[in-house]
Amino acid sequence: MREQIPNIITMIRIVSIAPICWLLWRGEYPLALMLLVLAGLSDALDGFLARRYGWFTRLGAFLDPVADKLFVMAVFIVFGLQGNLPWWLVSLVIGRDVVIVLGAMACRWLRGKLEIRPLMISKLNTGLQIFLLATTLLHVALYPLPLWLTIGLQWGVAATTLLSGIAYMILWGRYAFAKG
């Protein structure tokens, strides 16, 4: 039962997405920021518990990255709807994740199995996405940032999103059609 503690923390994080997005939508940034920080700390906590005590489960291996992706996509959508991020970037970020999921499903269907390991470009992309969301929140809630910084971050996220998506398409293609 103890090995389920990280999964319970992750599920609470998933449930917190809706109230955080609602708070962002209503412009209640201090409370949204506090809940986002708590969600980030919970992500660190469930990972620590899983590593420290060996509380790894198949469910946890699936839920944790799903929670992270749902958070990022939901906040991108809210900021896109508010006009704080351009729609072309929101569409690119969501489109990449859809392509990756569909590619993984196709590989699983063709090969009968699938090992998922994040690529370095994907880790960089996720880090930049989170940094962009944090700076966007800072920009709308507390302190207007220089235009060159926000535009630069948006283009950095766009570039790593494209490169990551292409890298996964190549990887899935090789894996799906490899002999053996």
Protein backbone atom coordinates (compact mmCIF):
# COMPACT_ATOMS: atom_id res chain seq x y z
CA MET A 1 0.00 0.00 0.00
CA ARG A 2 2.83 2.44 0.79
CA GLU A 3 4.08 2.17 -2.79
CA GLN A 4 0.83 3.87 -3.85
CA ILE A 5 1.61 7.09 -1.95
CA PRO A 6 3.44 8.69 -4.92
CA ASN A 7 0.50 7.73 -7.17
CA ILE A 8 -1.98 9.35 -4.77
CA ILE A 9 0.11 12.54 -4.74
CA THR A 10 0.20 12.51 -8.55
CA MET A 11 -3.57 12.03 -8.77
CA ILE A 12 -4.10 14.98 -6.42
CA ARG A 13 -1.84 17.01 -8.73
CA ILE A 14 -3.99 16.01 -11.71
CA VAL A 15 -7.18 17.02 -9.86
CA SER A 16 -5.60 20.40 -9.01
CA ILE A 17 -5.28 21.31 -12.70
CA ALA A 18 -8.89 22.48 -12.99
CA PRO A 19 -8.88 24.87 -10.01
CA ILE A 20 -5.50 26.29 -10.99
CA CYS A 21 -6.71 26.97 -14.54
CA TRP A 22 -9.91 28.50 -13.20
CA LEU A 23 -7.89 30.82 -10.95
CA LEU A 24 -5.61 31.77 -13.87
CA TRP A 25 -8.64 32.44 -16.04
CA ARG A 26 -10.18 34.70 -13.41
CA GLY A 27 -6.90 36.57 -12.95
CA GLU A 28 -6.45 35.42 -9.37
CA TYR A 29 -2.73 35.10 -9.92
CA PRO A 30 -1.37 35.04 -6.34
CA LEU A 31 -3.52 32.05 -5.38
CA ALA A 32 -2.91 30.35 -8.74
CA LEU A 33 0.83 30.85 -8.28
CA MET A 34 0.69 29.38 -4.78
CA LEU A 35 -1.16 26.30 -6.04
CA LEU A 36 1.25 25.96 -8.97
CA VAL A 37 4.19 26.02 -6.56
CA LEU A 38 2.48 23.36 -4.42
CA ALA A 39 1.86 21.26 -7.53
CA GLY A 40 5.55 21.57 -8.45
CA LEU A 41 6.59 20.57 -4.94
CA SER A 42 4.21 17.60 -5.04
CA ASP A 43 5.83 16.52 -8.31
CA ALA A 44 9.23 16.62 -6.61
CA LEU A 45 7.87 14.82 -3.55
CA ASP A 46 6.31 11.91 -5.42
CA GLY A 47 9.51 11.47 -7.43
CA PHE A 48 11.62 11.56 -4.27
CA LEU A 49 9.43 8.99 -2.51
CA ALA A 50 9.47 6.66 -5.49
CA ARG A 51 13.28 6.83 -5.77
CA ARG A 52 14.09 6.85 -2.05
CA TYR A 53 11.86 3.96 -1.04
CA GLY A 54 11.62 2.10 -4.34
CA TRP A 55 7.89 2.79 -4.55
CA PHE A 56 7.79 2.46 -8.33
CA THR A 57 4.65 1.19 -10.00
CA ARG A 58 3.57 0.84 -13.61
CA LEU A 59 0.71 3.20 -12.85
CA GLY A 60 3.13 5.78 -11.47
CA ALA A 61 5.39 5.47 -14.51
CA PHE A 62 2.34 6.34 -16.63
CA LEU A 63 0.62 8.90 -14.37
CA ASP A 64 3.56 11.17 -13.55
CA PRO A 65 4.41 12.23 -17.13
CA VAL A 66 0.70 12.43 -17.97
CA ALA A 67 0.16 14.80 -15.03
CA ASP A 68 3.06 16.97 -16.19
CA LYS A 69 1.78 17.09 -19.78
CA LEU A 70 -1.79 17.82 -18.71
CA PHE A 71 -0.56 20.69 -16.54
CA VAL A 72 1.56 22.22 -19.27
CA MET A 73 -1.10 21.85 -21.95
CA ALA A 74 -3.89 23.21 -19.72
CA VAL A 75 -1.92 26.31 -18.74
CA PHE A 76 -0.85 26.88 -22.36
CA ILE A 77 -4.52 26.76 -23.38
CA VAL A 78 -5.59 29.21 -20.65
CA PHE A 79 -2.81 31.65 -21.56
CA GLY A 80 -3.69 31.23 -25.24
CA LEU A 81 -7.37 31.95 -24.61
CA GLN A 82 -6.42 35.03 -22.61
CA GLY A 83 -4.16 36.26 -25.39
CA ASN A 84 -1.04 35.98 -23.21
CA LEU A 85 0.53 33.45 -25.58
CA PRO A 86 0.06 33.29 -29.35
CA TRP A 87 -2.26 30.61 -30.67
CA TRP A 88 0.27 29.37 -33.20
CA LEU A 89 2.55 28.43 -30.29
CA VAL A 90 -0.24 26.82 -28.24
CA SER A 91 -1.24 24.79 -31.31
CA LEU A 92 2.36 23.76 -31.96
CA VAL A 93 2.87 22.56 -28.37
CA ILE A 94 -0.38 20.59 -28.33
CA GLY A 95 0.15 19.28 -31.86
CA ARG A 96 3.58 17.93 -30.97
CA ASP A 97 2.17 16.03 -28.00
CA VAL A 98 -0.64 14.59 -30.14
CA VAL A 99 1.90 13.46 -32.76
CA ILE A 100 4.07 11.84 -30.08
CA VAL A 101 1.12 9.99 -28.51
CA LEU A 102 -0.20 8.82 -31.89
CA GLY A 103 3.31 7.71 -32.92
CA ALA A 104 3.76 5.78 -29.70
CA MET A 105 0.38 4.11 -30.14
CA ALA A 106 1.24 3.16 -33.73
CA CYS A 107 4.58 1.69 -32.60
CA ARG A 108 2.87 -0.29 -29.89
CA TRP A 109 0.32 -1.57 -32.38
CA LEU A 110 2.97 -2.51 -34.98
CA ARG A 111 5.55 -3.95 -32.57
CA GLY A 112 3.41 -5.17 -29.70
CA LYS A 113 5.60 -3.40 -27.16
CA LEU A 114 7.10 -0.01 -26.58
CA GLU A 115 9.80 1.38 -24.35
CA ILE A 116 9.42 5.08 -23.74
CA ARG A 117 12.50 7.08 -22.82
CA PRO A 118 12.48 10.86 -23.07
CA LEU A 119 14.99 12.34 -25.49
CA MET A 120 17.37 15.08 -24.35
CA ILE A 121 15.77 17.57 -26.76
CA SER A 122 12.40 16.68 -25.24
CA LYS A 123 13.68 17.36 -21.72
CA LEU A 124 15.05 20.72 -22.91
CA ASN A 125 11.72 21.47 -24.57
CA THR A 126 9.75 20.66 -21.42
CA GLY A 127 12.07 22.83 -19.35
CA LEU A 128 11.68 25.75 -21.76
CA GLN A 129 7.91 25.29 -21.86
CA ILE A 130 7.69 25.43 -18.07
CA PHE A 131 10.04 28.44 -17.95
CA LEU A 132 7.90 30.21 -20.58
CA LEU A 133 4.73 29.54 -18.59
CA ALA A 134 6.38 30.78 -15.39
CA THR A 135 7.65 33.97 -17.04
CA THR A 136 4.26 34.52 -18.69
CA LEU A 137 2.61 34.26 -15.27
CA LEU A 138 5.19 36.65 -13.86
CA HIS A 139 4.58 39.02 -16.79
CA VAL A 140 0.78 39.12 -16.40
CA ALA A 141 0.65 38.95 -12.61
CA LEU A 142 3.51 40.97 -11.20
CA TYR A 143 5.98 42.60 -13.50
CA PRO A 144 5.86 43.32 -17.24
CA LEU A 145 8.89 41.72 -18.88
CA PRO A 146 10.73 43.12 -21.90
CA LEU A 147 9.18 42.15 -25.23
CA TRP A 148 12.49 40.73 -26.50
CA LEU A 149 12.54 38.25 -23.60
CA THR A 150 8.97 37.00 -24.04
CA ILE A 151 9.29 36.76 -27.83
CA GLY A 152 12.69 35.07 -27.51
CA LEU A 153 11.32 32.47 -25.11
CA GLN A 154 8.34 31.84 -27.37
CA TRP A 155 10.61 31.23 -30.36
CA GLY A 156 12.91 29.04 -28.24
CA VAL A 157 9.94 26.92 -27.22
CA ALA A 158 8.76 26.78 -30.84
CA ALA A 159 12.19 25.63 -32.08
CA THR A 160 12.66 22.95 -29.43
CA THR A 161 9.04 21.83 -29.88
CA LEU A 162 9.61 21.32 -33.61
CA LEU A 163 12.98 19.63 -33.14
CA SER A 164 11.61 17.36 -30.42
CA GLY A 165 8.57 16.41 -32.50
CA ILE A 166 10.74 15.62 -35.52
CA ALA A 167 13.15 13.59 -33.39
CA TYR A 168 10.29 11.51 -32.00
CA MET A 169 8.83 10.94 -35.47
CA ILE A 170 12.19 9.66 -36.65
CA LEU A 171 12.58 7.50 -33.53
CA TRP A 172 9.07 6.03 -33.79
CA GLY A 173 9.55 5.40 -37.51
CA ARG A 174 12.80 3.53 -36.96
CA TYR A 175 11.37 1.58 -34.05
CA ALA A 176 8.12 0.68 -35.81
CA PHE A 177 9.78 -0.63 -38.94
CA ALA A 178 12.96 -2.13 -37.47
CA LYS A 179 13.53 -5.81 -38.16
CA GLY A 180 13.41 -8.17 -35.24
